Protein backbone atom coordinates (compact mmCIF):
# COMPACT_ATOMS: atom_id res chain seq x y z
CA MET A 1 188.71 244.73 -110.91
CA ASN A 2 188.94 242.94 -114.16
CA ILE A 3 189.34 239.23 -114.80
CA ARG A 4 193.15 239.38 -115.14
CA SER A 5 193.61 240.95 -111.71
CA THR A 6 191.15 238.47 -110.16
CA ILE A 7 193.05 235.53 -111.65
CA ALA A 8 196.38 237.03 -110.54
CA VAL A 9 195.13 237.48 -106.96
CA ALA A 10 193.70 233.94 -106.88
CA ALA A 11 196.97 232.51 -108.22
CA ALA A 12 199.02 234.44 -105.69
CA LEU A 13 196.82 233.22 -102.83
CA ALA A 14 197.02 229.64 -104.10
CA ILE A 15 200.82 229.83 -104.28
CA LEU A 16 201.04 231.21 -100.76
CA GLY A 17 198.61 228.62 -99.46
CA THR A 18 196.24 231.15 -97.91
CA ALA A 19 193.33 230.78 -100.34
CA PRO A 20 190.40 229.56 -98.26
CA ALA A 21 188.84 227.58 -101.12
CA LEU A 22 192.09 225.88 -102.06
CA ALA A 23 193.47 225.25 -98.57
CA ALA A 24 193.23 221.66 -97.36
CA SER A 25 193.51 220.57 -93.75
CA LYS A 26 197.05 219.64 -92.89
CA PRO A 27 197.90 216.52 -90.87
CA SER A 28 199.65 218.75 -88.33
CA ASP A 29 196.31 220.47 -87.62
CA THR A 30 194.69 217.19 -86.64
CA LEU A 31 197.66 216.23 -84.51
CA ALA A 32 197.46 219.48 -82.61
CA LEU A 33 193.81 218.82 -81.81
CA ALA A 34 194.49 215.25 -80.69
CA ALA A 35 197.38 216.20 -78.40
CA LYS A 36 197.09 215.17 -74.76
CA LYS A 37 195.91 217.77 -72.34
CA LYS A 38 198.05 218.61 -69.36
CA LYS A 39 197.03 216.71 -66.24
CA PRO A 40 195.80 218.84 -63.34
CA VAL A 41 198.14 219.17 -60.38
CA VAL A 42 196.79 217.39 -57.32
CA ARG A 43 197.67 219.19 -54.15
CA THR A 44 197.72 217.21 -50.93
CA ARG A 45 196.85 218.64 -47.58
CA ARG A 46 199.54 218.84 -44.99
CA ARG A 47 198.77 216.92 -41.88
CA ALA A 48 198.94 218.59 -38.51
CA PRO A 49 202.00 217.61 -36.50
CA GLN A 50 201.36 214.71 -34.19
CA GLY A 51 201.03 215.76 -30.56
CA GLN A 52 202.58 214.05 -27.59
CA ILE A 53 200.93 211.13 -25.83
CA ALA A 54 200.78 211.08 -22.06
CA CYS A 55 199.67 208.24 -19.79
CA ASP A 56 197.79 208.91 -16.56
CA TRP A 57 195.30 207.03 -14.37
CA ASN A 58 192.65 207.12 -17.13
CA GLY A 59 194.94 205.59 -19.77
CA CYS A 60 197.15 206.97 -22.51
CA HIS A 61 195.83 209.79 -24.69
CA ARG A 62 197.02 212.65 -26.87
CA ILE A 63 197.61 215.93 -25.04
CA PRO A 64 196.79 219.39 -26.49
CA PRO A 65 199.54 221.39 -28.27
CA ASN A 66 199.86 223.90 -25.42
CA CYS A 67 200.57 221.14 -22.83
CA ARG A 68 203.96 219.56 -22.04
CA ILE A 69 205.16 216.47 -20.23
CA TYR A 70 207.65 217.46 -17.55
CA GLY A 71 208.41 214.09 -16.00
CA THR A 72 206.80 211.21 -14.18
CA GLN A 73 204.55 211.52 -11.16
CA LEU A 74 205.84 210.34 -7.82
CA ASP A 75 203.91 208.77 -4.97
CA TRP A 76 204.11 209.89 -1.33
CA ASN A 77 207.33 207.95 -0.76
CA GLY A 78 209.04 209.53 -3.80
CA ASP A 79 208.81 206.41 -5.90
CA PRO A 80 207.83 206.82 -9.60
CA THR A 81 204.29 205.74 -10.43
CA GLY A 82 204.84 205.31 -14.16
CA MET A 83 202.34 208.07 -14.91
CA ASP A 84 203.31 211.25 -16.79
CA ALA A 85 203.08 214.65 -15.18
CA VAL A 86 201.53 217.11 -17.67
CA TYR A 87 201.24 220.87 -17.35
CA CYS A 88 199.42 223.24 -19.67
CA ARG A 89 200.05 226.94 -20.22
């Protein structure tokens, strides 16, 4: 390569803006670096469905998922006692 071809290549690179020695940082480059990062997605846990609450002689408490309330308990005379009758599978 002679000096004319070197100057011609340097001029062509300068015109195109790809000459590493002549290229200056553009304001758009700094803006791209300062851009906000995407926030991470926070996933919440799903809560288990609330079970039923049954009241018996010991008080009211949550019953297991495989148990059901099928009515109120009756005393010997057939009168309701106000307590829940619970059966489990």
